[in-house]
Amino acid sequence: MSGEPTNLPSGGSDNAHPSDALDTALDAMFDEGETEESNPDKSGKADATDGTETDDALNENGEETGDEGETEGEGEELDPDEATLVTLADGTEISLKELKGGYQRQADYQKKTQEVANMRRDAEAKVAAITQQEAAFSQQHSQLQTTLDGLVDYLANRLPEEPSTTLAMTNPGEYTRQKAMYDAAVGELQTILATKKQVNERGQQVAYQQHQERLKAENEALVAAFPQIVDPAKREAFNKAILDTATKVGFSTDELNTVTDHRFLKLGYYAQIGLKALEQQKIGKKKVESAPALAPGKARPTVNPSNKALQNFKKSGSVRDATQALDALDWS
């Protein structure tokens, strides 16, 4: 089998023996220099101790253990959490320090996620409460206006005719009576009309206040949904993206200026993401269509698993990745 082609960790195509591949991986793993057996000056000591390594022995992580007395003499104290190993359900061993750190990061992430969720819930509840208040006030205001309009119509229909000046000369007493009744009816009508005007003005004030509260609540709900737009620059880019997307699908600027519900802005945000995805899909389709055809019997190149495993080991330097790199080698 030594004559068959082998995929090397470096991506070459030369013929390689299993021992060569192992040496290559081990050289990448351990760069400590010469071992006891390769040093001729220490060969006598190796024979005297029946081939056992002492002070320069390598531990399971590929590092020199050294003498325990020397370690104690240096005065270095190991972190108990770092020295304590914990075996996970999948058999992976990690230090207690790493386990605590991961737990703390997970707890912090869950806390922040819960805070964002609470913020969104509170903002949505505030918007819903304002919506209910607006609806209740609108209903009451409409009923009051209807009642006042009915009174105006009623008094206007029962308003007596103003007595003529002729009646004042011919029958002053009757003129005085009719004039008093007329003035009283006109006074009642004017009172209702003044009340109606006050109701309308008050309604406009309340509506304006509610509108401002709604704008504030809608903005809070939008920020809760997209926290990044707290940054003014990102908010400007956010608004521009929604405006461009809405314009593409047929909305005018005047129509967009009337939008207050943050849900429509969320819809516009996700719509622009969808449009971008469709554009990228079209670009990718064009690239695939314009790509040269493969020769018959050939497949598109794939990532060599041994190369990828060795790259992971070079980055991390861990024994686990080294083992995976050795396992990924093609020993056939």
C-alpha atoms as a PDB file:
ATOM      1  CA  MET A   1       0.000   0.000   0.000  1.00  0.00           C
ATOM      2  CA  SER A   2       3.015   2.290   0.284  1.00  0.00           C
ATOM      3  CA  GLY A   3       2.935   2.978  -3.427  1.00  0.00           C
ATOM      4  CA  GLU A   4      -0.647   4.329  -3.515  1.00  0.00           C
ATOM      5  CA  PRO A   5      -1.301   8.098  -3.601  1.00  0.00           C
ATOM      6  CA  THR A   6      -1.998   9.750  -0.270  1.00  0.00           C
ATOM      7  CA  ASN A   7      -3.503  13.144   0.592  1.00  0.00           C
ATOM      8  CA  LEU A   8      -0.907  14.942   2.674  1.00  0.00           C
ATOM      9  CA  PRO A   9      -1.813  17.401   5.416  1.00  0.00           C
ATOM     10  CA  SER A  10      -0.179  20.146   3.359  1.00  0.00           C
ATOM     11  CA  GLY A  11      -2.353  19.358   0.378  1.00  0.00           C
ATOM     12  CA  GLY A  12       0.385  17.638  -1.712  1.00  0.00           C
ATOM     13  CA  SER A  13      -0.062  14.600  -3.894  1.00  0.00           C
ATOM     14  CA  ASP A  14       3.316  12.797  -3.415  1.00  0.00           C
ATOM     15  CA  ASN A  15       3.448   9.200  -2.258  1.00  0.00           C
ATOM     16  CA  ALA A  16       3.878   8.894   1.499  1.00  0.00           C
ATOM     17  CA  HIS A  17       4.279   6.113   4.023  1.00  0.00           C
ATOM     18  CA  PRO A  18       2.256   6.050   7.226  1.00  0.00           C
ATOM     19  CA  SER A  19       5.399   6.692   9.213  1.00  0.00           C
ATOM     20  CA  ASP A  20       6.171   9.796   7.146  1.00  0.00           C
ATOM     21  CA  ALA A  21       2.676  11.175   7.752  1.00  0.00           C
ATOM     22  CA  LEU A  22       2.967  10.417  11.448  1.00  0.00           C
ATOM     23  CA  ASP A  23       6.359  12.111  11.673  1.00  0.00           C
ATOM     24  CA  THR A  24       4.973  15.156   9.895  1.00  0.00           C
ATOM     25  CA  ALA A  25       2.069  15.433  12.321  1.00  0.00           C
ATOM     26  CA  LEU A  26       4.301  14.818  15.335  1.00  0.00           C
ATOM     27  CA  ASP A  27       6.797  17.425  14.165  1.00  0.00           C
ATOM     28  CA  ALA A  28       3.954  19.917  13.957  1.00  0.00           C
ATOM     29  CA  MET A  29       2.722  18.871  17.395  1.00  0.00           C
ATOM     30  CA  PHE A  30       5.996  18.805  19.277  1.00  0.00           C
ATOM     31  CA  ASP A  31       8.729  21.319  18.558  1.00  0.00           C
ATOM     32  CA  GLU A  32      10.644  20.765  21.781  1.00  0.00           C
ATOM     33  CA  GLY A  33      13.847  19.787  19.933  1.00  0.00           C
ATOM     34  CA  GLU A  34      15.763  16.549  20.267  1.00  0.00           C
ATOM     35  CA  THR A  35      14.516  13.778  22.554  1.00  0.00           C
ATOM     36  CA  GLU A  36      16.559  11.684  24.948  1.00  0.00           C
ATOM     37  CA  GLU A  37      17.122   8.912  22.421  1.00  0.00           C
ATOM     38  CA  SER A  38      18.321  11.247  19.635  1.00  0.00           C
ATOM     39  CA  ASN A  39      20.920  12.977  21.891  1.00  0.00           C
ATOM     40  CA  PRO A  40      24.152  10.971  21.873  1.00  0.00           C
ATOM     41  CA  ASP A  41      25.400  12.725  25.023  1.00  0.00           C
ATOM     42  CA  LYS A  42      22.526  11.315  27.046  1.00  0.00           C
ATOM     43  CA  SER A  43      22.445   7.810  25.587  1.00  0.00           C
ATOM     44  CA  GLY A  44      24.493   6.439  28.473  1.00  0.00           C
ATOM     45  CA  LYS A  45      22.034   7.717  31.001  1.00  0.00           C
ATOM     46  CA  ALA A  46      19.218   6.182  29.026  1.00  0.00           C
ATOM     47  CA  ASP A  47      20.942   2.786  29.115  1.00  0.00           C
ATOM     48  CA  ALA A  48      21.640   3.100  32.817  1.00  0.00           C
ATOM     49  CA  THR A  49      18.001   3.654  33.585  1.00  0.00           C
ATOM     50  CA  ASP A  50      16.742   0.864  31.249  1.00  0.00           C
ATOM     51  CA  GLY A  51      15.421   3.366  28.689  1.00  0.00           C
ATOM     52  CA  THR A  52      13.140   5.214  31.098  1.00  0.00           C
ATOM     53  CA  GLU A  53      12.955   9.030  30.826  1.00  0.00           C
ATOM     54  CA  THR A  54      13.159  11.058  33.995  1.00  0.00           C
ATOM     55  CA  ASP A  55      13.491  14.830  34.269  1.00  0.00           C
ATOM     56  CA  ASP A  56      12.798  15.553  30.576  1.00  0.00           C
ATOM     57  CA  ALA A  57       9.799  13.230  30.210  1.00  0.00           C
ATOM     58  CA  LEU A  58       6.904  14.522  28.194  1.00  0.00           C
ATOM     59  CA  ASN A  59       3.501  14.595  29.797  1.00  0.00           C
ATOM     60  CA  GLU A  60       0.303  13.752  27.969  1.00  0.00           C
ATOM     61  CA  ASN A  61      -0.039  17.339  26.681  1.00  0.00           C
ATOM     62  CA  GLY A  62       3.337  17.261  24.946  1.00  0.00           C
ATOM     63  CA  GLU A  63       5.079  19.470  27.532  1.00  0.00           C
ATOM     64  CA  GLU A  64       8.087  18.688  29.717  1.00  0.00           C
ATOM     65  CA  THR A  65       7.112  17.792  33.221  1.00  0.00           C
ATOM     66  CA  GLY A  66      10.423  18.665  34.846  1.00  0.00           C
ATOM     67  CA  ASP A  67      11.174  17.968  38.470  1.00  0.00           C
ATOM     68  CA  GLU A  68       8.426  18.580  41.001  1.00  0.00           C
ATOM     69  CA  GLY A  69      10.981  19.949  43.402  1.00  0.00           C
ATOM     70  CA  GLU A  70      12.053  22.558  40.861  1.00  0.00           C
ATOM     71  CA  THR A  71       8.431  23.598  40.385  1.00  0.00           C
ATOM     72  CA  GLU A  72       7.963  23.996  44.081  1.00  0.00           C
ATOM     73  CA  GLY A  73      11.222  25.888  44.320  1.00  0.00           C
ATOM     74  CA  GLU A  74      10.040  28.437  41.756  1.00  0.00           C
ATOM     75  CA  GLY A  75       7.212  29.412  44.096  1.00  0.00           C
ATOM     76  CA  GLU A  76       4.483  29.167  41.415  1.00  0.00           C
ATOM     77  CA  GLU A  77       1.055  28.198  42.723  1.00  0.00           C
ATOM     78  CA  LEU A  78      -1.428  26.582  40.338  1.00  0.00           C
ATOM     79  CA  ASP A  79      -5.033  27.748  40.319  1.00  0.00           C
ATOM     80  CA  PRO A  80      -7.052  24.915  41.915  1.00  0.00           C
ATOM     81  CA  ASP A  81      -9.890  25.487  39.446  1.00  0.00           C
ATOM     82  CA  GLU A  82      -7.474  25.331  36.530  1.00  0.00           C
ATOM     83  CA  ALA A  83      -5.841  22.150  37.820  1.00  0.00           C
ATOM     84  CA  THR A  84      -9.172  20.385  38.456  1.00  0.00           C
ATOM     85  CA  LEU A  85     -10.450  18.534  35.393  1.00  0.00           C
ATOM     86  CA  VAL A  86     -14.120  17.809  34.779  1.00  0.00           C
ATOM     87  CA  THR A  87     -15.314  15.137  32.358  1.00  0.00           C
ATOM     88  CA  LEU A  88     -18.341  16.131  30.299  1.00  0.00           C
ATOM     89  CA  ALA A  89     -21.080  13.816  29.073  1.00  0.00           C
ATOM     90  CA  ASP A  90     -19.354  13.353  25.710  1.00  0.00           C
ATOM     91  CA  GLY A  91     -16.067  12.397  27.387  1.00  0.00           C
ATOM     92  CA  THR A  92     -14.393  15.772  26.873  1.00  0.00           C
ATOM     93  CA  GLU A  93     -12.208  16.915  29.746  1.00  0.00           C
ATOM     94  CA  ILE A  94     -12.053  20.611  30.585  1.00  0.00           C
ATOM     95  CA  SER A  95     -10.781  22.491  33.588  1.00  0.00           C
ATOM     96  CA  LEU A  96     -13.107  23.626  36.315  1.00  0.00           C
ATOM     97  CA  LYS A  97     -12.022  27.189  35.545  1.00  0.00           C
ATOM     98  CA  GLU A  98     -13.172  26.856  31.936  1.00  0.00           C
ATOM     99  CA  LEU A  99     -16.415  25.262  33.101  1.00  0.00           C
ATOM    100  CA  LYS A 100     -17.121  28.136  35.503  1.00  0.00           C
ATOM    101  CA  GLY A 101     -16.208  30.692  32.855  1.00  0.00           C
ATOM    102  CA  GLY A 102     -18.524  29.077  30.327  1.00  0.00           C
ATOM    103  CA  TYR A 103     -21.312  28.900  32.873  1.00  0.00           C
ATOM    104  CA  GLN A 104     -20.842  32.561  33.762  1.00  0.00           C
ATOM    105  CA  ARG A 105     -20.867  33.592  30.091  1.00  0.00           C
ATOM    106  CA  GLN A 106     -24.004  31.544  29.524  1.00  0.00           C
ATOM    107  CA  ALA A 107     -25.630  33.090  32.588  1.00  0.00           C
ATOM    108  CA  ASP A 108     -24.713  36.589  31.401  1.00  0.00           C
ATOM    109  CA  TYR A 109     -26.095  35.834  27.945  1.00  0.00           C
ATOM    110  CA  GLN A 110     -29.340  34.492  29.368  1.00  0.00           C
ATOM    111  CA  LYS A 111     -29.630  37.517  31.659  1.00  0.00           C
ATOM    112  CA  LYS A 112     -29.155  39.960  28.796  1.00  0.00           C
ATOM    113  CA  THR A 113     -31.556  37.997  26.607  1.00  0.00           C
ATOM    114  CA  GLN A 114     -34.169  38.068  29.367  1.00  0.00           C
ATOM    115  CA  GLU A 115     -33.635  41.799  29.875  1.00  0.00           C
ATOM    116  CA  VAL A 116     -34.186  42.441  26.163  1.00  0.00           C
ATOM    117  CA  ALA A 117     -37.285  40.226  26.203  1.00  0.00           C
ATOM    118  CA  ASN A 118     -38.647  42.096  29.220  1.00  0.00           C
ATOM    119  CA  MET A 119     -37.951  45.422  27.535  1.00  0.00           C
ATOM    120  CA  ARG A 120     -39.837  44.307  24.434  1.00  0.00           C
ATOM    121  CA  ARG A 121     -42.753  42.995  26.480  1.00  0.00           C
ATOM    122  CA  ASP A 122     -43.010  46.210  28.497  1.00  0.00           C
ATOM    123  CA  ALA A 123     -42.796  48.360  25.356  1.00  0.00           C
ATOM    124  CA  GLU A 124     -45.472  46.319  23.600  1.00  0.00           C
ATOM    125  CA  ALA A 125     -47.684  46.486  26.707  1.00  0.00           C
ATOM    126  CA  LYS A 126     -47.277  50.277  26.830  1.00  0.00           C
ATOM    127  CA  VAL A 127     -48.267  50.607  23.178  1.00  0.00           C
ATOM    128  CA  ALA A 128     -51.286  48.380  23.769  1.00  0.00           C
ATOM    129  CA  ALA A 129     -52.348  50.463  26.810  1.00  0.00           C
ATOM    130  CA  ILE A 130     -52.098  53.707  24.831  1.00  0.00           C
ATOM    131  CA  THR A 131     -54.098  52.144  22.017  1.00  0.00           C
ATOM    132  CA  GLN A 132     -56.857  51.221  24.483  1.00  0.00           C
ATOM    133  CA  GLN A 133     -56.831  54.726  25.955  1.00  0.00           C
ATOM    134  CA  GLU A 134     -57.099  56.277  22.514  1.00  0.00           C
ATOM    135  CA  ALA A 135     -59.979  54.007  21.595  1.00  0.00           C
ATOM    136  CA  ALA A 136     -61.816  54.706  24.871  1.00  0.00           C
ATOM    137  CA  PHE A 137     -61.395  58.479  24.574  1.00  0.00           C
ATOM    138  CA  SER A 138     -62.386  58.449  20.930  1.00  0.00           C
ATOM    139  CA  GLN A 139     -65.562  56.575  21.783  1.00  0.00           C
ATOM    140  CA  GLN A 140     -66.472  58.915  24.666  1.00  0.00           C
ATOM    141  CA  HIS A 141     -65.672  62.001  22.613  1.00  0.00           C
ATOM    142  CA  SER A 142     -67.764  60.757  19.727  1.00  0.00           C
ATOM    143  CA  GLN A 143     -70.724  60.030  22.029  1.00  0.00           C
ATOM    144  CA  LEU A 144     -70.474  63.491  23.612  1.00  0.00           C
ATOM    145  CA  GLN A 145     -70.339  65.170  20.223  1.00  0.00           C
ATOM    146  CA  THR A 146     -73.377  63.209  19.095  1.00  0.00           C
ATOM    147  CA  THR A 147     -75.280  64.273  22.209  1.00  0.00           C
ATOM    148  CA  LEU A 148     -74.375  67.947  21.742  1.00  0.00           C
ATOM    149  CA  ASP A 149     -75.287  67.842  18.058  1.00  0.00           C
ATOM    150  CA  GLY A 150     -78.670  66.431  19.057  1.00  0.00           C
ATOM    151  CA  LEU A 151     -79.226  69.218  21.564  1.00  0.00           C
ATOM    152  CA  VAL A 152     -78.278  71.857  19.026  1.00  0.00           C
ATOM    153  CA  ASP A 153     -80.748  70.423  16.536  1.00  0.00           C
ATOM    154  CA  TYR A 154     -83.454  70.153  19.204  1.00  0.00           C
ATOM    155  CA  LEU A 155     -83.041  73.747  20.404  1.00  0.00           C
ATOM    156  CA  ALA A 156     -82.737  75.098  16.877  1.00  0.00           C
ATOM    157  CA  ASN A 157     -86.009  73.414  15.898  1.00  0.00           C
ATOM    158  CA  ARG A 158     -87.818  74.761  18.995  1.00  0.00           C
ATOM    159  CA  LEU A 159     -86.369  78.233  18.667  1.00  0.00           C
ATOM    160  CA  PRO A 160     -89.352  80.660  18.491  1.00  0.00           C
ATOM    161  CA  GLU A 161     -89.520  83.457  15.983  1.00  0.00           C
ATOM    162  CA  GLU A 162     -88.192  86.793  17.106  1.00  0.00           C
ATOM    163  CA  PRO A 163     -91.144  89.182  17.766  1.00  0.00           C
ATOM    164  CA  SER A 164     -91.537  92.048  15.311  1.00  0.00           C
ATOM    165  CA  THR A 165     -91.180  95.727  16.144  1.00  0.00           C
ATOM    166  CA  THR A 166     -94.810  96.218  15.079  1.00  0.00           C
ATOM    167  CA  LEU A 167     -95.916  94.018  17.994  1.00  0.00           C
ATOM    168  CA  ALA A 168     -93.916  96.230  20.325  1.00  0.00           C
ATOM    169  CA  MET A 169     -95.938  99.258  19.241  1.00  0.00           C
ATOM    170  CA  THR A 170     -99.339  97.569  19.174  1.00  0.00           C
ATOM    171  CA  ASN A 171     -98.982  95.264  22.168  1.00  0.00           C
ATOM    172  CA  PRO A 172     -95.882  96.039  24.251  1.00  0.00           C
ATOM    173  CA  GLY A 173     -96.706  93.444  26.897  1.00  0.00           C
ATOM    174  CA  GLU A 174     -96.926  90.560  24.407  1.00  0.00           C
ATOM    175  CA  TYR A 175     -93.792  91.768  22.681  1.00  0.00           C
ATOM    176  CA  THR A 176     -91.922  91.703  25.974  1.00  0.00           C
ATOM    177  CA  ARG A 177     -93.112  88.151  26.735  1.00  0.00           C
ATOM    178  CA  GLN A 178     -92.194  86.769  23.287  1.00  0.00           C
ATOM    179  CA  LYS A 179     -88.887  88.591  23.293  1.00  0.00           C
ATOM    180  CA  ALA A 180     -87.977  87.070  26.666  1.00  0.00           C
ATOM    181  CA  MET A 181     -88.829  83.576  25.443  1.00  0.00           C
ATOM    182  CA  TYR A 182     -86.806  84.125  22.273  1.00  0.00           C
ATOM    183  CA  ASP A 183     -83.785  85.463  24.128  1.00  0.00           C
ATOM    184  CA  ALA A 184     -83.874  82.515  26.577  1.00  0.00           C
ATOM    185  CA  ALA A 185     -83.977  79.968  23.727  1.00  0.00           C
ATOM    186  CA  VAL A 186     -81.135  81.708  21.902  1.00  0.00           C
ATOM    187  CA  GLY A 187     -79.128  81.782  25.145  1.00  0.00           C
ATOM    188  CA  GLU A 188     -79.580  78.026  25.638  1.00  0.00           C
ATOM    189  CA  LEU A 189     -78.559  77.364  22.053  1.00  0.00           C
ATOM    190  CA  GLN A 190     -75.477  79.552  22.387  1.00  0.00           C
ATOM    191  CA  THR A 191     -74.527  77.750  25.603  1.00  0.00           C
ATOM    192  CA  ILE A 192     -74.710  74.337  23.871  1.00  0.00           C
ATOM    193  CA  LEU A 193     -72.743  75.631  20.895  1.00  0.00           C
ATOM    194  CA  ALA A 194     -70.064  77.031  23.226  1.00  0.00           C
ATOM    195  CA  THR A 195     -69.922  73.702  25.069  1.00  0.00           C
ATOM    196  CA  LYS A 196     -69.561  71.871  21.769  1.00  0.00           C
ATOM    197  CA  LYS A 197     -66.691  74.143  20.790  1.00  0.00           C
ATOM    198  CA  GLN A 198     -64.957  73.512  24.113  1.00  0.00           C
ATOM    199  CA  VAL A 199     -65.417  69.769  23.719  1.00  0.00           C
ATOM    200  CA  ASN A 200     -63.878  69.877  20.240  1.00  0.00           C
ATOM    201  CA  GLU A 201     -60.905  71.945  21.433  1.00  0.00           C
ATOM    202  CA  ARG A 202     -60.359  69.684  24.426  1.00  0.00           C
ATOM    203  CA  GLY A 203     -60.625  66.648  22.188  1.00  0.00           C
ATOM    204  CA  GLN A 204     -57.925  68.026  19.902  1.00  0.00           C
ATOM    205  CA  GLN A 205     -55.626  68.672  22.872  1.00  0.00           C
ATOM    206  CA  VAL A 206     -56.100  65.179  24.272  1.00  0.00           C
ATOM    207  CA  ALA A 207     -55.672  63.642  20.828  1.00  0.00           C
ATOM    208  CA  TYR A 208     -52.396  65.530  20.360  1.00  0.00           C
ATOM    209  CA  GLN A 209     -51.117  64.415  23.773  1.00  0.00           C
ATOM    210  CA  GLN A 210     -52.066  60.823  23.066  1.00  0.00           C
ATOM    211  CA  HIS A 211     -50.390  61.035  19.667  1.00  0.00           C
ATOM    212  CA  GLN A 212     -47.144  62.227  21.272  1.00  0.00           C
ATOM    213  CA  GLU A 213     -47.329  59.450  23.861  1.00  0.00           C
ATOM    214  CA  ARG A 214     -47.968  56.945  21.101  1.00  0.00           C
ATOM    215  CA  LEU A 215     -44.969  58.157  19.097  1.00  0.00           C
ATOM    216  CA  LYS A 216     -42.779  57.797  22.181  1.00  0.00           C
ATOM    217  CA  ALA A 217     -44.137  54.340  23.005  1.00  0.00           C
ATOM    218  CA  GLU A 218     -43.834  53.178  19.389  1.00  0.00           C
ATOM    219  CA  ASN A 219     -40.235  54.384  19.296  1.00  0.00           C
ATOM    220  CA  GLU A 220     -39.456  52.543  22.534  1.00  0.00           C
ATOM    221  CA  ALA A 221     -40.974  49.376  21.083  1.00  0.00           C
ATOM    222  CA  LEU A 222     -38.907  49.785  17.914  1.00  0.00           C
ATOM    223  CA  VAL A 223     -35.705  50.289  19.911  1.00  0.00           C
ATOM    224  CA  ALA A 224     -36.555  47.243  22.010  1.00  0.00           C
ATOM    225  CA  ALA A 225     -36.895  45.215  18.811  1.00  0.00           C
ATOM    226  CA  PHE A 226     -33.693  46.653  17.265  1.00  0.00           C
ATOM    227  CA  PRO A 227     -31.376  47.837  20.086  1.00  0.00           C
ATOM    228  CA  GLN A 228     -28.646  48.808  17.621  1.00  0.00           C
ATOM    229  CA  ILE A 229     -30.625  51.840  16.409  1.00  0.00           C
ATOM    230  CA  VAL A 230     -29.884  53.639  19.671  1.00  0.00           C
ATOM    231  CA  ASP A 231     -26.802  54.802  17.782  1.00  0.00           C
ATOM    232  CA  PRO A 232     -27.945  57.850  15.722  1.00  0.00           C
ATOM    233  CA  ALA A 233     -25.853  56.800  12.720  1.00  0.00           C
ATOM    234  CA  LYS A 234     -27.334  53.297  12.741  1.00  0.00           C
ATOM    235  CA  ARG A 235     -30.818  54.744  13.201  1.00  0.00           C
ATOM    236  CA  GLU A 236     -30.346  56.929  10.142  1.00  0.00           C
ATOM    237  CA  ALA A 237     -29.159  53.933   8.100  1.00  0.00           C
ATOM    238  CA  PHE A 238     -32.096  51.904   9.437  1.00  0.00           C
ATOM    239  CA  ASN A 239     -34.623  54.544   8.371  1.00  0.00           C
ATOM    240  CA  LYS A 240     -33.007  54.970   4.970  1.00  0.00           C
ATOM    241  CA  ALA A 241     -33.084  51.222   4.295  1.00  0.00           C
ATOM    242  CA  ILE A 242     -36.791  51.070   5.141  1.00  0.00           C
ATOM    243  CA  LEU A 243     -37.532  54.150   3.039  1.00  0.00           C
ATOM    244  CA  ASP A 244     -35.707  52.706   0.031  1.00  0.00           C
ATOM    245  CA  THR A 245     -37.482  49.369   0.402  1.00  0.00           C
ATOM    246  CA  ALA A 246     -40.929  50.956   0.783  1.00  0.00           C
ATOM    247  CA  THR A 247     -40.283  53.130  -2.249  1.00  0.00           C
ATOM    248  CA  LYS A 248     -39.333  50.079  -4.302  1.00  0.00           C
ATOM    249  CA  VAL A 249     -42.659  48.392  -3.569  1.00  0.00           C
ATOM    250  CA  GLY A 250     -44.707  51.498  -4.412  1.00  0.00           C
ATOM    251  CA  PHE A 251     -45.123  53.594  -1.246  1.00  0.00           C
ATOM    252  CA  SER A 252     -44.737  57.372  -1.478  1.00  0.00           C
ATOM    253  CA  THR A 253     -42.821  59.536   0.973  1.00  0.00           C
ATOM    254  CA  ASP A 254     -46.038  61.233   2.097  1.00  0.00           C
ATOM    255  CA  GLU A 255     -47.588  57.878   2.906  1.00  0.00           C
ATOM    256  CA  LEU A 256     -44.538  56.811   4.887  1.00  0.00           C
ATOM    257  CA  ASN A 257     -44.590  60.044   6.888  1.00  0.00           C
ATOM    258  CA  THR A 258     -47.992  59.092   8.266  1.00  0.00           C
ATOM    259  CA  VAL A 259     -46.773  55.735   9.610  1.00  0.00           C
ATOM    260  CA  THR A 260     -46.563  55.608  13.409  1.00  0.00           C
ATOM    261  CA  ASP A 261     -47.012  51.905  14.153  1.00  0.00           C
ATOM    262  CA  HIS A 262     -43.575  50.384  14.789  1.00  0.00           C
ATOM    263  CA  ARG A 263     -44.796  47.052  13.428  1.00  0.00           C
ATOM    264  CA  PHE A 264     -44.891  48.503   9.915  1.00  0.00           C
ATOM    265  CA  LEU A 265     -41.278  49.608  10.361  1.00  0.00           C
ATOM    266  CA  LYS A 266     -40.356  46.102  11.485  1.00  0.00           C
ATOM    267  CA  LEU A 267     -42.124  44.779   8.424  1.00  0.00           C
ATOM    268  CA  GLY A 268     -40.150  47.165   6.242  1.00  0.00           C
ATOM    269  CA  TYR A 269     -36.883  46.087   7.875  1.00  0.00           C
ATOM    270  CA  TYR A 270     -37.476  42.405   7.215  1.00  0.00           C
ATOM    271  CA  ALA A 271     -38.768  43.190   3.736  1.00  0.00           C
ATOM    272  CA  GLN A 272     -35.487  44.858   2.799  1.00  0.00           C
ATOM    273  CA  ILE A 273     -33.623  41.774   4.078  1.00  0.00           C
ATOM    274  CA  GLY A 274     -35.818  39.611   1.855  1.00  0.00           C
ATOM    275  CA  LEU A 275     -35.202  41.820  -1.185  1.00  0.00           C
ATOM    276  CA  LYS A 276     -31.451  41.657  -0.601  1.00  0.00           C
ATOM    277  CA  ALA A 277     -31.648  37.871  -0.350  1.00  0.00           C
ATOM    278  CA  LEU A 278     -33.509  37.709  -3.663  1.00  0.00           C
ATOM    279  CA  GLU A 279     -30.896  39.930  -5.302  1.00  0.00           C
ATOM    280  CA  GLN A 280     -28.081  37.751  -3.981  1.00  0.00           C
ATOM    281  CA  GLN A 281     -29.926  34.682  -5.213  1.00  0.00           C
ATOM    282  CA  LYS A 282     -30.132  36.152  -8.700  1.00  0.00           C
ATOM    283  CA  ILE A 283     -26.434  37.031  -8.642  1.00  0.00           C
ATOM    284  CA  GLY A 284     -25.533  33.526  -7.491  1.00  0.00           C
ATOM    285  CA  LYS A 285     -27.702  31.984 -10.182  1.00  0.00           C
ATOM    286  CA  LYS A 286     -25.980  34.067 -12.846  1.00  0.00           C
ATOM    287  CA  LYS A 287     -22.562  32.991 -11.559  1.00  0.00           C
ATOM    288  CA  VAL A 288     -23.580  29.345 -11.650  1.00  0.00           C
ATOM    289  CA  GLU A 289     -24.938  29.704 -15.172  1.00  0.00           C
ATOM    290  CA  SER A 290     -21.792  31.479 -16.371  1.00  0.00           C
ATOM    291  CA  ALA A 291     -19.392  29.047 -14.638  1.00  0.00           C
ATOM    292  CA  PRO A 292     -17.433  26.769 -17.019  1.00  0.00           C
ATOM    293  CA  ALA A 293     -18.743  23.248 -17.295  1.00  0.00           C
ATOM    294  CA  LEU A 294     -16.792  20.482 -15.577  1.00  0.00           C
ATOM    295  CA  ALA A 295     -15.101  17.818 -17.634  1.00  0.00           C
ATOM    296  CA  PRO A 296     -16.956  14.487 -17.706  1.00  0.00           C
ATOM    297  CA  GLY A 297     -16.173  12.296 -14.720  1.00  0.00           C
ATOM    298  CA  LYS A 298     -14.794  15.136 -12.592  1.00  0.00           C
ATOM    299  CA  ALA A 299     -16.377  16.476  -9.437  1.00  0.00           C
ATOM    300  CA  ARG A 300     -16.007  19.889  -7.910  1.00  0.00           C
ATOM    301  CA  PRO A 301     -13.087  20.151  -5.453  1.00  0.00           C
ATOM    302  CA  THR A 302     -13.877  19.595  -1.810  1.00  0.00           C
ATOM    303  CA  VAL A 303     -12.007  20.490   1.354  1.00  0.00           C
ATOM    304  CA  ASN A 304      -9.559  17.782   2.394  1.00  0.00           C
ATOM    305  CA  PRO A 305     -10.564  16.716   5.928  1.00  0.00           C
ATOM    306  CA  SER A 306      -6.923  16.049   6.874  1.00  0.00           C
ATOM    307  CA  ASN A 307      -5.918  19.554   5.807  1.00  0.00           C
ATOM    308  CA  LYS A 308      -8.769  21.093   7.781  1.00  0.00           C
ATOM    309  CA  ALA A 309      -7.962  19.049  10.899  1.00  0.00           C
ATOM    310  CA  LEU A 310      -4.283  19.994  10.715  1.00  0.00           C
ATOM    311  CA  GLN A 311      -5.188  23.669  10.304  1.00  0.00           C
ATOM    312  CA  ASN A 312      -7.365  23.455  13.414  1.00  0.00           C
ATOM    313  CA  PHE A 313      -4.469  21.879  15.334  1.00  0.00           C
ATOM    314  CA  LYS A 314      -2.019  24.580  14.203  1.00  0.00           C
ATOM    315  CA  LYS A 315      -4.398  27.234  15.486  1.00  0.00           C
ATOM    316  CA  SER A 316      -5.254  25.643  18.841  1.00  0.00           C
ATOM    317  CA  GLY A 317      -2.259  23.406  19.577  1.00  0.00           C
ATOM    318  CA  SER A 318      -4.476  21.121  21.661  1.00  0.00           C
ATOM    319  CA  VAL A 319      -4.000  17.362  21.965  1.00  0.00           C
ATOM    320  CA  ARG A 320      -7.616  16.811  20.914  1.00  0.00           C
ATOM    321  CA  ASP A 321      -7.084  18.588  17.578  1.00  0.00           C
ATOM    322  CA  ALA A 322      -3.788  16.727  17.131  1.00  0.00           C
ATOM    323  CA  THR A 323      -5.613  13.426  17.568  1.00  0.00           C
ATOM    324  CA  GLN A 324      -8.235  14.472  15.040  1.00  0.00           C
ATOM    325  CA  ALA A 325      -5.478  15.478  12.615  1.00  0.00           C
ATOM    326  CA  LEU A 326      -3.888  12.026  12.914  1.00  0.00           C
ATOM    327  CA  ASP A 327      -7.248  10.308  12.531  1.00  0.00           C
ATOM    328  CA  ALA A 328      -8.006  12.317   9.411  1.00  0.00           C
ATOM    329  CA  LEU A 329      -4.830  11.195   7.634  1.00  0.00           C
ATOM    330  CA  ASP A 330      -5.257   8.701   4.819  1.00  0.00           C
ATOM    331  CA  TRP A 331      -3.172   5.695   5.921  1.00  0.00           C
ATOM    332  CA  SER A 332      -4.034   3.567   2.875  1.00  0.00           C
END
